[in-house]
């Protein structure tokens, strides 16, 4: 493959396209929550957008927990040196 042309997700313009596409898709699914009947078991399940908000909060908690675990479990760079 010649010409030095870059392809793939790592290119800046492609990152922007993926970001905005995912953002629009998430917004569409969030809005679609208002247009179907839910068979709820708990009252909170009937609230508008509860699953999207729960998923977002869960992801944020997982990222923060991973950062905390990284700080706790990371060894110094020279840990295995004599």
Protein backbone atom coordinates (compact mmCIF):
# COMPACT_ATOMS: atom_id res chain seq x y z
CA UNK A 1 0.00 0.00 0.00
CA UNK A 2 1.79 3.06 -1.13
CA UNK A 3 1.54 6.77 -1.02
CA UNK A 4 1.83 7.06 2.75
CA UNK A 5 -1.94 7.57 2.99
CA UNK A 6 -3.42 6.80 6.40
CA UNK A 7 -6.61 4.82 6.80
CA UNK A 8 -8.49 3.67 9.82
CA UNK A 9 -10.10 4.83 13.00
CA UNK A 10 -6.95 6.50 14.34
CA UNK A 11 -7.14 9.36 11.85
CA UNK A 12 -8.51 12.57 13.40
CA UNK A 13 -11.36 13.04 10.91
CA UNK A 14 -12.51 9.45 11.42
CA UNK A 15 -12.44 9.81 15.21
CA UNK A 16 -14.76 12.82 14.92
CA UNK A 17 -17.11 10.90 12.63
CA UNK A 18 -17.28 7.92 15.00
CA UNK A 19 -17.79 10.21 18.01
CA UNK A 20 -20.68 12.14 16.44
CA UNK A 21 -22.27 9.03 14.96
CA UNK A 22 -22.29 7.30 18.35
CA UNK A 23 -23.56 10.48 20.02
CA UNK A 24 -26.46 10.80 17.56
CA UNK A 25 -27.27 7.11 17.91
CA UNK A 26 -27.35 7.37 21.71
CA UNK A 27 -29.57 10.46 21.52
CA UNK A 28 -31.95 8.71 19.12
CA UNK A 29 -32.26 5.67 21.38
CA UNK A 30 -32.78 7.95 24.40
CA UNK A 31 -35.61 9.81 22.60
CA UNK A 32 -37.11 6.54 21.32
CA UNK A 33 -37.65 5.55 24.95
CA UNK A 34 -40.72 7.83 24.97
CA UNK A 35 -42.43 6.00 22.10
CA UNK A 36 -42.94 2.46 23.34
CA UNK A 37 -44.83 0.83 26.18
CA UNK A 38 -42.73 -0.60 28.97
CA UNK A 39 -43.74 -3.62 31.07
CA UNK A 40 -42.16 -2.51 34.33
CA UNK A 41 -41.50 -4.54 37.44
CA UNK A 42 -40.28 -1.62 39.56
CA UNK A 43 -41.65 1.93 39.42
CA UNK A 44 -38.27 3.42 38.47
CA UNK A 45 -38.21 1.35 35.27
CA UNK A 46 -41.10 3.43 33.94
CA UNK A 47 -39.24 6.72 34.19
CA UNK A 48 -38.15 8.32 30.92
CA UNK A 49 -34.58 7.44 29.99
CA UNK A 50 -33.83 5.49 33.15
CA UNK A 51 -31.91 2.73 31.35
CA UNK A 52 -29.73 5.20 29.45
CA UNK A 53 -28.95 7.17 32.58
CA UNK A 54 -28.26 3.99 34.54
CA UNK A 55 -25.91 2.76 31.82
CA UNK A 56 -24.07 6.08 31.72
CA UNK A 57 -23.65 6.21 35.49
CA UNK A 58 -22.52 2.56 35.54
CA UNK A 59 -19.85 3.26 32.89
CA UNK A 60 -18.58 6.31 34.77
CA UNK A 61 -18.35 4.27 37.99
CA UNK A 62 -16.47 1.49 36.17
CA UNK A 63 -13.96 3.95 34.70
CA UNK A 64 -13.37 5.61 38.08
CA UNK A 65 -13.01 2.21 39.78
CA UNK A 66 -10.49 1.14 37.12
CA UNK A 67 -8.44 4.30 37.69
CA UNK A 68 -8.46 3.69 41.44
CA UNK A 69 -7.44 0.05 40.99
CA UNK A 70 -4.69 1.14 38.62
CA UNK A 71 -3.24 3.41 41.28
CA UNK A 72 -3.51 0.72 43.95
CA UNK A 73 -2.12 -2.19 41.91
CA UNK A 74 0.53 -0.44 39.80
CA UNK A 75 4.08 -1.27 40.84
CA UNK A 76 7.04 1.10 40.51
CA UNK A 77 8.92 0.96 37.22
CA UNK A 78 11.95 -0.71 38.85
CA UNK A 79 9.94 -3.22 40.91
CA UNK A 80 11.58 -6.31 39.36
CA UNK A 81 15.12 -4.91 39.19
CA UNK A 82 17.80 -6.25 41.54
